[in-house]
Amino acid sequence: MWSRKELKDRAKTVLSRIYWSAFGVSIVMALAGANDGWGGGGGSHSRDSRESFYSNIHNGNYVNWDLLTMVLVGALVIIALRIFIGYCLEVGGRRYFVQSAQYRDNKRCFSFSFDQENYMQIVKTMLLKNIFIFLWSLLLIIPGIIKSYAYSMVPYILADNPNIGVKKAIALSNEMTMGYKFDMFVLDLSFIGWYLLGALAFGIGILFVMPYENATDAELYLILRKNALESNLCISEDLLLSNPITVNNNIW
């Protein structure tokens, strides 16, 4: 079993060496939408808004179709950028933090995701993962949140082995997080104070908290991965772990 303090202490130790590069990577991940979610809700119109919309049409106050078209095109462009570029940047960023936590070479992590043999598998797996979360969210918000935690290790699994396969990546993430989802939720809540504090500095301080959270999440993945290997949920070859090393008396 892991504790929040244990994960955060390890993250602080790692960041003491690489903070500013981790800061830059975190900014790229944030711009790529690494912290968004299909199950996050929002964006729906209220009943009054819909009634006003239909009332305007009925009364001859037609919609500005040029503006609506521009908005729709803009939304499609953003979605396309998230899918075809953002997913790979997210996986590359996760790889950077996992490699750093293992005291391994963290260079070329972003280009790793765009390599020809990795790119399409990353895009396909991340897209299906988010579609599944979105579909679960259609039931109710709670199932969507639960599944977002269940599938949260998928980017890390892809960072180890982009070609593991869609079904295997999603199933392994689900198995890794089984019994830990509430603890993961509490771990996320533990950063709220830091983000509120960062927001006091005109919101700029929030940027400096992101590396801390990303490094902590990477430490969590390493522990869940170790548990999965010990429980025979997967084997080293599944995650391309040919040369495990020892850090703080733990084999990663």
C-alpha atoms as a PDB file:
ATOM      1  CA  MET A   1       0.000   0.000   0.000  1.00  0.00           C
ATOM      2  CA  TRP A   2       1.174   3.531  -0.716  1.00  0.00           C
ATOM      3  CA  SER A   3       0.655   6.789   1.114  1.00  0.00           C
ATOM      4  CA  ARG A   4       0.217  10.313  -0.204  1.00  0.00           C
ATOM      5  CA  LYS A   5       3.203  11.513   1.800  1.00  0.00           C
ATOM      6  CA  GLU A   6       5.413   8.803   0.337  1.00  0.00           C
ATOM      7  CA  LEU A   7       4.485   9.717  -3.230  1.00  0.00           C
ATOM      8  CA  LYS A   8       4.881  13.442  -2.671  1.00  0.00           C
ATOM      9  CA  ASP A   9       8.221  13.090  -0.893  1.00  0.00           C
ATOM     10  CA  ARG A  10       9.581  11.081  -3.818  1.00  0.00           C
ATOM     11  CA  ALA A  11       8.190  13.634  -6.265  1.00  0.00           C
ATOM     12  CA  LYS A  12       9.902  16.472  -4.393  1.00  0.00           C
ATOM     13  CA  THR A  13      13.210  14.611  -4.483  1.00  0.00           C
ATOM     14  CA  VAL A  14      12.951  14.157  -8.249  1.00  0.00           C
ATOM     15  CA  LEU A  15      11.880  17.757  -8.836  1.00  0.00           C
ATOM     16  CA  SER A  16      14.806  19.066  -6.815  1.00  0.00           C
ATOM     17  CA  ARG A  17      16.979  18.014  -9.765  1.00  0.00           C
ATOM     18  CA  ILE A  18      14.786  18.833 -12.766  1.00  0.00           C
ATOM     19  CA  TYR A  19      12.207  21.399 -11.661  1.00  0.00           C
ATOM     20  CA  TRP A  20      12.533  23.903 -14.497  1.00  0.00           C
ATOM     21  CA  SER A  21      12.564  21.316 -17.259  1.00  0.00           C
ATOM     22  CA  ALA A  22       9.598  19.621 -15.536  1.00  0.00           C
ATOM     23  CA  PHE A  23       7.880  23.016 -15.449  1.00  0.00           C
ATOM     24  CA  GLY A  24       8.316  23.394 -19.209  1.00  0.00           C
ATOM     25  CA  VAL A  25       7.025  19.884 -19.884  1.00  0.00           C
ATOM     26  CA  SER A  26       4.012  20.519 -17.639  1.00  0.00           C
ATOM     27  CA  ILE A  27       3.167  23.677 -19.585  1.00  0.00           C
ATOM     28  CA  VAL A  28       3.250  21.728 -22.852  1.00  0.00           C
ATOM     29  CA  MET A  29       1.037  19.016 -21.344  1.00  0.00           C
ATOM     30  CA  ALA A  30      -1.451  21.595 -20.102  1.00  0.00           C
ATOM     31  CA  LEU A  31      -1.620  23.260 -23.521  1.00  0.00           C
ATOM     32  CA  ALA A  32      -2.123  19.813 -25.050  1.00  0.00           C
ATOM     33  CA  GLY A  33      -5.160  19.263 -22.826  1.00  0.00           C
ATOM     34  CA  ALA A  34      -3.596  16.560 -20.656  1.00  0.00           C
ATOM     35  CA  ASN A  35      -5.803  17.529 -17.718  1.00  0.00           C
ATOM     36  CA  ASP A  36      -9.077  17.694 -19.580  1.00  0.00           C
ATOM     37  CA  GLY A  37     -11.660  14.935 -19.646  1.00  0.00           C
ATOM     38  CA  TRP A  38     -14.577  13.818 -21.796  1.00  0.00           C
ATOM     39  CA  GLY A  39     -16.483  13.089 -18.610  1.00  0.00           C
ATOM     40  CA  GLY A  40     -15.979  16.538 -17.141  1.00  0.00           C
ATOM     41  CA  GLY A  41     -19.441  17.698 -18.107  1.00  0.00           C
ATOM     42  CA  GLY A  42     -20.257  21.290 -18.850  1.00  0.00           C
ATOM     43  CA  GLY A  43     -21.097  22.943 -22.129  1.00  0.00           C
ATOM     44  CA  SER A  44     -24.791  22.010 -22.091  1.00  0.00           C
ATOM     45  CA  HIS A  45     -27.455  24.644 -22.489  1.00  0.00           C
ATOM     46  CA  SER A  46     -30.067  25.294 -19.853  1.00  0.00           C
ATOM     47  CA  ARG A  47     -33.761  24.849 -20.559  1.00  0.00           C
ATOM     48  CA  ASP A  48     -34.270  28.618 -20.627  1.00  0.00           C
ATOM     49  CA  SER A  49     -31.471  29.005 -23.168  1.00  0.00           C
ATOM     50  CA  ARG A  50     -32.992  26.376 -25.448  1.00  0.00           C
ATOM     51  CA  GLU A  51     -36.444  27.941 -25.156  1.00  0.00           C
ATOM     52  CA  SER A  52     -34.986  31.364 -25.956  1.00  0.00           C
ATOM     53  CA  PHE A  53     -33.145  29.890 -28.964  1.00  0.00           C
ATOM     54  CA  TYR A  54     -36.299  28.311 -30.432  1.00  0.00           C
ATOM     55  CA  SER A  55     -38.329  31.406 -29.583  1.00  0.00           C
ATOM     56  CA  ASN A  56     -35.926  33.610 -31.535  1.00  0.00           C
ATOM     57  CA  ILE A  57     -36.247  31.361 -34.580  1.00  0.00           C
ATOM     58  CA  HIS A  58     -40.067  31.303 -34.287  1.00  0.00           C
ATOM     59  CA  ASN A  59     -40.200  35.100 -34.070  1.00  0.00           C
ATOM     60  CA  GLY A  60     -37.928  35.602 -37.032  1.00  0.00           C
ATOM     61  CA  ASN A  61     -34.784  36.413 -35.082  1.00  0.00           C
ATOM     62  CA  TYR A  62     -32.668  33.972 -36.974  1.00  0.00           C
ATOM     63  CA  VAL A  63     -29.349  32.623 -35.817  1.00  0.00           C
ATOM     64  CA  ASN A  64     -26.177  34.242 -37.126  1.00  0.00           C
ATOM     65  CA  TRP A  65     -25.151  31.227 -39.181  1.00  0.00           C
ATOM     66  CA  ASP A  66     -21.774  32.706 -40.139  1.00  0.00           C
ATOM     67  CA  LEU A  67     -20.835  33.065 -36.479  1.00  0.00           C
ATOM     68  CA  LEU A  68     -22.200  29.607 -35.661  1.00  0.00           C
ATOM     69  CA  THR A  69     -20.199  28.091 -38.526  1.00  0.00           C
ATOM     70  CA  MET A  70     -17.029  29.779 -37.305  1.00  0.00           C
ATOM     71  CA  VAL A  71     -17.606  28.466 -33.790  1.00  0.00           C
ATOM     72  CA  LEU A  72     -18.226  24.929 -35.039  1.00  0.00           C
ATOM     73  CA  VAL A  73     -15.165  24.994 -37.285  1.00  0.00           C
ATOM     74  CA  GLY A  74     -13.075  26.338 -34.415  1.00  0.00           C
ATOM     75  CA  ALA A  75     -14.338  23.595 -32.116  1.00  0.00           C
ATOM     76  CA  LEU A  76     -13.549  20.917 -34.708  1.00  0.00           C
ATOM     77  CA  VAL A  77     -10.028  22.292 -35.166  1.00  0.00           C
ATOM     78  CA  ILE A  78      -9.431  22.224 -31.402  1.00  0.00           C
ATOM     79  CA  ILE A  79     -10.724  18.647 -31.159  1.00  0.00           C
ATOM     80  CA  ALA A  80      -8.542  17.583 -34.091  1.00  0.00           C
ATOM     81  CA  LEU A  81      -5.468  19.190 -32.513  1.00  0.00           C
ATOM     82  CA  ARG A  82      -6.215  17.443 -29.232  1.00  0.00           C
ATOM     83  CA  ILE A  83      -6.562  14.058 -30.943  1.00  0.00           C
ATOM     84  CA  PHE A  84      -3.728  14.169 -33.463  1.00  0.00           C
ATOM     85  CA  ILE A  85      -1.188  16.221 -31.511  1.00  0.00           C
ATOM     86  CA  GLY A  86      -2.372  16.581 -27.918  1.00  0.00           C
ATOM     87  CA  TYR A  87      -2.616  12.855 -27.180  1.00  0.00           C
ATOM     88  CA  CYS A  88       0.983  12.291 -28.227  1.00  0.00           C
ATOM     89  CA  LEU A  89       2.208  15.301 -26.256  1.00  0.00           C
ATOM     90  CA  GLU A  90       0.393  13.976 -23.185  1.00  0.00           C
ATOM     91  CA  VAL A  91       1.925  10.510 -23.485  1.00  0.00           C
ATOM     92  CA  GLY A  92       5.341  12.063 -24.119  1.00  0.00           C
ATOM     93  CA  GLY A  93       4.956  14.213 -21.013  1.00  0.00           C
ATOM     94  CA  ARG A  94       3.963  11.221 -18.901  1.00  0.00           C
ATOM     95  CA  ARG A  95       6.994   9.364 -20.216  1.00  0.00           C
ATOM     96  CA  TYR A  96       9.219  12.291 -19.229  1.00  0.00           C
ATOM     97  CA  PHE A  97       8.016  12.180 -15.615  1.00  0.00           C
ATOM     98  CA  VAL A  98       8.203   8.372 -15.389  1.00  0.00           C
ATOM     99  CA  GLN A  99      11.723   8.331 -16.811  1.00  0.00           C
ATOM    100  CA  SER A 100      12.758  11.123 -14.451  1.00  0.00           C
ATOM    101  CA  ALA A 101      11.319   9.275 -11.460  1.00  0.00           C
ATOM    102  CA  GLN A 102      13.470   6.273 -12.407  1.00  0.00           C
ATOM    103  CA  TYR A 103      16.567   8.467 -12.847  1.00  0.00           C
ATOM    104  CA  ARG A 104      16.726   7.494 -16.497  1.00  0.00           C
ATOM    105  CA  ASP A 105      17.252   9.455 -19.689  1.00  0.00           C
ATOM    106  CA  ASN A 106      14.250  11.774 -20.065  1.00  0.00           C
ATOM    107  CA  LYS A 107      15.247  13.277 -23.402  1.00  0.00           C
ATOM    108  CA  ARG A 108      13.288  12.785 -26.628  1.00  0.00           C
ATOM    109  CA  CYS A 109      10.142  11.866 -24.711  1.00  0.00           C
ATOM    110  CA  PHE A 110       7.920  14.020 -26.897  1.00  0.00           C
ATOM    111  CA  SER A 111       9.480  12.870 -30.160  1.00  0.00           C
ATOM    112  CA  PHE A 112       9.121   9.289 -28.913  1.00  0.00           C
ATOM    113  CA  SER A 113       5.338   9.641 -29.176  1.00  0.00           C
ATOM    114  CA  PHE A 114       5.537  10.924 -32.744  1.00  0.00           C
ATOM    115  CA  ASP A 115       7.772   8.117 -33.994  1.00  0.00           C
ATOM    116  CA  GLN A 116       6.174   6.381 -36.944  1.00  0.00           C
ATOM    117  CA  GLU A 117       5.811   3.043 -35.167  1.00  0.00           C
ATOM    118  CA  ASN A 118       4.217   4.647 -32.092  1.00  0.00           C
ATOM    119  CA  TYR A 119       2.065   7.506 -33.342  1.00  0.00           C
ATOM    120  CA  MET A 120      -1.089   5.815 -34.640  1.00  0.00           C
ATOM    121  CA  GLN A 121      -1.262   3.340 -31.765  1.00  0.00           C
ATOM    122  CA  ILE A 122      -1.104   6.182 -29.242  1.00  0.00           C
ATOM    123  CA  VAL A 123      -3.775   8.199 -31.052  1.00  0.00           C
ATOM    124  CA  LYS A 124      -6.096   5.198 -31.435  1.00  0.00           C
ATOM    125  CA  THR A 125      -5.758   4.001 -27.836  1.00  0.00           C
ATOM    126  CA  MET A 126      -6.136   7.445 -26.267  1.00  0.00           C
ATOM    127  CA  LEU A 127      -9.130   8.246 -28.468  1.00  0.00           C
ATOM    128  CA  LEU A 128     -10.963   5.034 -27.579  1.00  0.00           C
ATOM    129  CA  LYS A 129     -10.146   5.511 -23.891  1.00  0.00           C
ATOM    130  CA  ASN A 130     -11.740   8.958 -23.917  1.00  0.00           C
ATOM    131  CA  ILE A 131     -14.727   7.758 -25.939  1.00  0.00           C
ATOM    132  CA  PHE A 132     -15.344   5.046 -23.335  1.00  0.00           C
ATOM    133  CA  ILE A 133     -15.165   7.618 -20.520  1.00  0.00           C
ATOM    134  CA  PHE A 134     -17.550   9.892 -22.426  1.00  0.00           C
ATOM    135  CA  LEU A 135     -20.050   7.057 -22.944  1.00  0.00           C
ATOM    136  CA  TRP A 136     -19.912   6.144 -19.251  1.00  0.00           C
ATOM    137  CA  SER A 137     -20.502   9.824 -18.435  1.00  0.00           C
ATOM    138  CA  LEU A 138     -23.717   9.750 -20.461  1.00  0.00           C
ATOM    139  CA  LEU A 139     -25.178   7.452 -17.810  1.00  0.00           C
ATOM    140  CA  LEU A 140     -24.401   9.766 -14.890  1.00  0.00           C
ATOM    141  CA  ILE A 141     -21.463  11.904 -13.850  1.00  0.00           C
ATOM    142  CA  ILE A 142     -20.339   9.462 -11.125  1.00  0.00           C
ATOM    143  CA  PRO A 143     -19.761   6.469 -13.472  1.00  0.00           C
ATOM    144  CA  GLY A 144     -17.800   8.799 -15.739  1.00  0.00           C
ATOM    145  CA  ILE A 145     -15.568   9.920 -12.868  1.00  0.00           C
ATOM    146  CA  ILE A 146     -15.013   6.342 -11.736  1.00  0.00           C
ATOM    147  CA  LYS A 147     -14.021   5.240 -15.231  1.00  0.00           C
ATOM    148  CA  SER A 148     -11.750   8.253 -15.662  1.00  0.00           C
ATOM    149  CA  TYR A 149      -9.763   6.956 -12.680  1.00  0.00           C
ATOM    150  CA  ALA A 150      -9.979   3.367 -13.925  1.00  0.00           C
ATOM    151  CA  TYR A 151      -8.449   4.349 -17.269  1.00  0.00           C
ATOM    152  CA  SER A 152      -6.079   7.023 -15.914  1.00  0.00           C
ATOM    153  CA  MET A 153      -2.999   4.800 -16.231  1.00  0.00           C
ATOM    154  CA  VAL A 154      -3.458   4.310 -19.981  1.00  0.00           C
ATOM    155  CA  PRO A 155      -1.167   7.258 -20.964  1.00  0.00           C
ATOM    156  CA  TYR A 156       1.542   5.890 -18.651  1.00  0.00           C
ATOM    157  CA  ILE A 157       1.189   2.375 -20.046  1.00  0.00           C
ATOM    158  CA  LEU A 158       1.513   3.801 -23.561  1.00  0.00           C
ATOM    159  CA  ALA A 159       4.557   5.757 -22.404  1.00  0.00           C
ATOM    160  CA  ASP A 160       6.161   2.398 -21.590  1.00  0.00           C
ATOM    161  CA  ASN A 161       4.859   0.502 -24.607  1.00  0.00           C
ATOM    162  CA  PRO A 162       2.809   2.399 -27.229  1.00  0.00           C
ATOM    163  CA  ASN A 163       2.146  -0.821 -29.125  1.00  0.00           C
ATOM    164  CA  ILE A 164       0.697  -2.837 -26.260  1.00  0.00           C
ATOM    165  CA  GLY A 165      -2.731  -2.710 -27.923  1.00  0.00           C
ATOM    166  CA  VAL A 166      -5.959  -0.881 -27.120  1.00  0.00           C
ATOM    167  CA  LYS A 167      -7.697  -3.671 -25.220  1.00  0.00           C
ATOM    168  CA  LYS A 168      -4.613  -4.625 -23.222  1.00  0.00           C
ATOM    169  CA  ALA A 169      -3.821  -1.012 -22.254  1.00  0.00           C
ATOM    170  CA  ILE A 170      -7.340  -0.236 -21.072  1.00  0.00           C
ATOM    171  CA  ALA A 171      -7.793  -3.584 -19.307  1.00  0.00           C
ATOM    172  CA  LEU A 172      -4.419  -3.295 -17.567  1.00  0.00           C
ATOM    173  CA  SER A 173      -5.175   0.256 -16.383  1.00  0.00           C
ATOM    174  CA  ASN A 174      -8.511  -0.952 -15.016  1.00  0.00           C
ATOM    175  CA  GLU A 175      -6.810  -3.802 -13.155  1.00  0.00           C
ATOM    176  CA  MET A 176      -3.980  -1.583 -11.854  1.00  0.00           C
ATOM    177  CA  THR A 177      -6.394   0.901 -10.305  1.00  0.00           C
ATOM    178  CA  MET A 178      -8.829  -1.636  -8.882  1.00  0.00           C
ATOM    179  CA  GLY A 179      -9.248  -0.941  -5.168  1.00  0.00           C
ATOM    180  CA  TYR A 180      -7.310   2.338  -5.388  1.00  0.00           C
ATOM    181  CA  LYS A 181      -9.740   4.700  -7.118  1.00  0.00           C
ATOM    182  CA  PHE A 182     -10.916   6.419  -3.937  1.00  0.00           C
ATOM    183  CA  ASP A 183      -7.324   6.806  -2.737  1.00  0.00           C
ATOM    184  CA  MET A 184      -6.460   8.341  -6.112  1.00  0.00           C
ATOM    185  CA  PHE A 185      -9.398  10.717  -5.769  1.00  0.00           C
ATOM    186  CA  VAL A 186      -8.178  11.800  -2.324  1.00  0.00           C
ATOM    187  CA  LEU A 187      -4.676  12.234  -3.738  1.00  0.00           C
ATOM    188  CA  ASP A 188      -6.075  14.632  -6.328  1.00  0.00           C
ATOM    189  CA  LEU A 189      -7.983  16.505  -3.627  1.00  0.00           C
ATOM    190  CA  SER A 190      -4.751  16.958  -1.663  1.00  0.00           C
ATOM    191  CA  PHE A 191      -3.513  19.368  -4.357  1.00  0.00           C
ATOM    192  CA  ILE A 192      -6.515  21.688  -4.113  1.00  0.00           C
ATOM    193  CA  GLY A 193      -4.891  23.752  -1.360  1.00  0.00           C
ATOM    194  CA  TRP A 194      -1.796  24.265  -3.500  1.00  0.00           C
ATOM    195  CA  TYR A 195      -3.874  25.311  -6.491  1.00  0.00           C
ATOM    196  CA  LEU A 196      -5.944  27.724  -4.410  1.00  0.00           C
ATOM    197  CA  LEU A 197      -2.737  29.220  -3.066  1.00  0.00           C
ATOM    198  CA  GLY A 198      -1.372  29.477  -6.594  1.00  0.00           C
ATOM    199  CA  ALA A 199      -4.570  31.171  -7.760  1.00  0.00           C
ATOM    200  CA  LEU A 200      -3.978  34.018  -5.313  1.00  0.00           C
ATOM    201  CA  ALA A 201      -1.025  35.164  -7.430  1.00  0.00           C
ATOM    202  CA  PHE A 202      -3.303  36.148 -10.341  1.00  0.00           C
ATOM    203  CA  GLY A 203      -3.523  32.469 -11.272  1.00  0.00           C
ATOM    204  CA  ILE A 204       0.123  32.329 -12.334  1.00  0.00           C
ATOM    205  CA  GLY A 205       1.061  30.316  -9.250  1.00  0.00           C
ATOM    206  CA  ILE A 206      -1.073  27.446 -10.532  1.00  0.00           C
ATOM    207  CA  LEU A 207       1.510  26.824 -13.245  1.00  0.00           C
ATOM    208  CA  PHE A 208       4.174  26.142 -10.639  1.00  0.00           C
ATOM    209  CA  VAL A 209       2.040  23.482  -8.931  1.00  0.00           C
ATOM    210  CA  MET A 210       1.574  21.383 -12.073  1.00  0.00           C
ATOM    211  CA  PRO A 211       5.078  19.815 -12.060  1.00  0.00           C
ATOM    212  CA  TYR A 212       4.519  18.731  -8.443  1.00  0.00           C
ATOM    213  CA  GLU A 213       1.250  16.986  -9.310  1.00  0.00           C
ATOM    214  CA  ASN A 214       2.625  15.434 -12.499  1.00  0.00           C
ATOM    215  CA  ALA A 215       5.699  14.103 -10.683  1.00  0.00           C
ATOM    216  CA  THR A 216       3.491  12.672  -7.916  1.00  0.00           C
ATOM    217  CA  ASP A 217       1.229  10.957 -10.450  1.00  0.00           C
ATOM    218  CA  ALA A 218       4.281   9.383 -12.075  1.00  0.00           C
ATOM    219  CA  GLU A 219       5.343   7.998  -8.691  1.00  0.00           C
ATOM    220  CA  LEU A 220       1.866   6.529  -8.279  1.00  0.00           C
ATOM    221  CA  TYR A 221       2.100   4.822 -11.656  1.00  0.00           C
ATOM    222  CA  LEU A 222       5.443   3.244 -10.754  1.00  0.00           C
ATOM    223  CA  ILE A 223       3.950   1.741  -7.613  1.00  0.00           C
ATOM    224  CA  LEU A 224       0.833   0.491  -9.416  1.00  0.00           C
ATOM    225  CA  ARG A 225       3.040  -0.943 -12.163  1.00  0.00           C
ATOM    226  CA  LYS A 226       5.187  -2.731  -9.586  1.00  0.00           C
ATOM    227  CA  ASN A 227       2.038  -4.163  -7.976  1.00  0.00           C
ATOM    228  CA  ALA A 228       0.754  -5.307 -11.366  1.00  0.00           C
ATOM    229  CA  LEU A 229       4.010  -7.119 -12.131  1.00  0.00           C
ATOM    230  CA  GLU A 230       4.084  -8.796  -8.731  1.00  0.00           C
ATOM    231  CA  SER A 231       0.428  -9.846  -9.087  1.00  0.00           C
ATOM    232  CA  ASN A 232       1.051 -11.234 -12.588  1.00  0.00           C
ATOM    233  CA  LEU A 233      -1.441  -8.824 -14.143  1.00  0.00           C
ATOM    234  CA  CYS A 234       1.223  -8.283 -16.773  1.00  0.00           C
ATOM    235  CA  ILE A 235       4.807  -9.272 -17.476  1.00  0.00           C
ATOM    236  CA  SER A 236       7.868  -7.111 -18.015  1.00  0.00           C
ATOM    237  CA  GLU A 237       7.744  -7.701 -21.768  1.00  0.00           C
ATOM    238  CA  ASP A 238       4.254  -6.168 -21.919  1.00  0.00           C
ATOM    239  CA  LEU A 239       5.717  -2.851 -20.785  1.00  0.00           C
ATOM    240  CA  LEU A 240       9.136  -3.275 -22.401  1.00  0.00           C
ATOM    241  CA  LEU A 241      10.860  -3.331 -19.013  1.00  0.00           C
ATOM    242  CA  SER A 242      14.097  -5.051 -19.882  1.00  0.00           C
ATOM    243  CA  ASN A 243      16.409  -3.364 -17.383  1.00  0.00           C
ATOM    244  CA  PRO A 244      14.721  -2.595 -14.049  1.00  0.00           C
ATOM    245  CA  ILE A 245      16.798  -0.513 -11.647  1.00  0.00           C
ATOM    246  CA  THR A 246      16.754  -0.019  -7.913  1.00  0.00           C
ATOM    247  CA  VAL A 247      15.824   3.335  -6.385  1.00  0.00           C
ATOM    248  CA  ASN A 248      15.316   3.778  -2.659  1.00  0.00           C
ATOM    249  CA  ASN A 249      15.410  -0.007  -2.242  1.00  0.00           C
ATOM    250  CA  ASN A 250      12.544  -0.442  -4.694  1.00  0.00           C
ATOM    251  CA  ILE A 251      12.846  -2.161  -8.053  1.00  0.00           C
ATOM    252  CA  TRP A 252      11.317  -0.094 -10.838  1.00  0.00           C
END
